Protein backbone atom coordinates (compact mmCIF):
# COMPACT_ATOMS: atom_id res chain seq x y z
CA MET A 1 115.10 95.70 81.14
CA GLY A 2 116.45 92.36 80.06
CA CYS A 3 112.94 90.98 78.67
CA LEU A 4 114.64 89.31 75.91
CA GLN A 5 117.56 87.84 77.31
CA GLU A 6 117.74 83.66 78.09
CA GLU A 7 117.13 84.42 81.67
CA ILE A 8 114.57 87.28 82.92
CA PRO A 9 115.71 89.57 85.72
CA LYS A 10 113.70 89.36 89.09
CA ASP A 11 112.83 92.94 89.07
CA THR A 12 111.64 92.90 85.52
CA LEU A 13 109.26 90.13 85.99
CA ARG A 14 108.18 91.93 89.39
CA PHE A 15 107.50 94.90 86.95
CA ILE A 16 105.46 92.69 84.38
CA ALA A 17 103.48 91.25 87.52
CA ALA A 18 103.02 94.93 88.93
CA VAL A 19 101.44 96.02 85.55
CA ASN A 20 99.30 92.98 85.07
CA ASP A 21 97.93 93.38 88.44
CA MET A 22 97.36 97.14 88.21
CA LEU A 23 95.36 96.93 84.75
CA ALA A 24 93.50 93.73 86.29
CA LEU A 25 92.26 95.63 89.39
CA SER A 26 91.92 99.42 87.83
CA GLU A 27 88.46 98.65 86.95
CA SER A 28 87.88 97.20 90.53
CA VAL A 29 89.14 100.30 92.01
CA LEU A 30 87.08 102.29 89.74
CA PHE A 31 83.60 101.38 90.12
CA PHE A 32 83.52 100.56 93.84
CA PRO A 33 82.61 103.11 96.48
CA ARG A 34 85.83 104.45 98.45
CA TRP A 35 84.22 103.23 101.86
CA THR A 36 84.77 99.58 100.51
CA ARG A 37 88.39 99.73 100.42
CA HIS A 38 89.07 98.45 103.61
CA ILE A 39 86.34 95.47 103.21
CA PHE A 40 87.73 94.04 99.57
CA PRO A 41 91.25 93.03 99.82
CA PHE A 42 91.87 94.08 95.80
CA TRP A 43 92.71 97.59 97.19
CA LYS A 44 95.73 96.35 99.31
CA GLN A 45 96.80 94.62 95.89
CA PHE A 46 96.26 97.23 93.93
CA VAL A 47 98.32 100.14 96.08
CA LYS A 48 101.35 97.04 96.09
CA ALA A 49 101.16 97.00 92.68
CA TRP A 50 101.59 100.51 92.20
CA ASP A 51 104.46 100.39 94.70
CA ASP A 52 106.25 97.79 92.77
CA LEU A 53 106.15 99.91 89.60
CA TYR A 54 107.67 102.53 91.30
CA ASP A 55 110.14 100.82 93.28
CA VAL A 56 111.74 98.97 90.27
């Protein structure tokens, strides 16, 4: 992944950010009812984080 190199690749930084977002938003996604997913912005961020995890 190149985490220990002098210059960290963009894909690695994107992966790290996606893991951070996924872990930070997991609690919100789990505890709010399903119908709130279209109201609160965290659902789109959570889905984007998972998309980035699989894309990288």
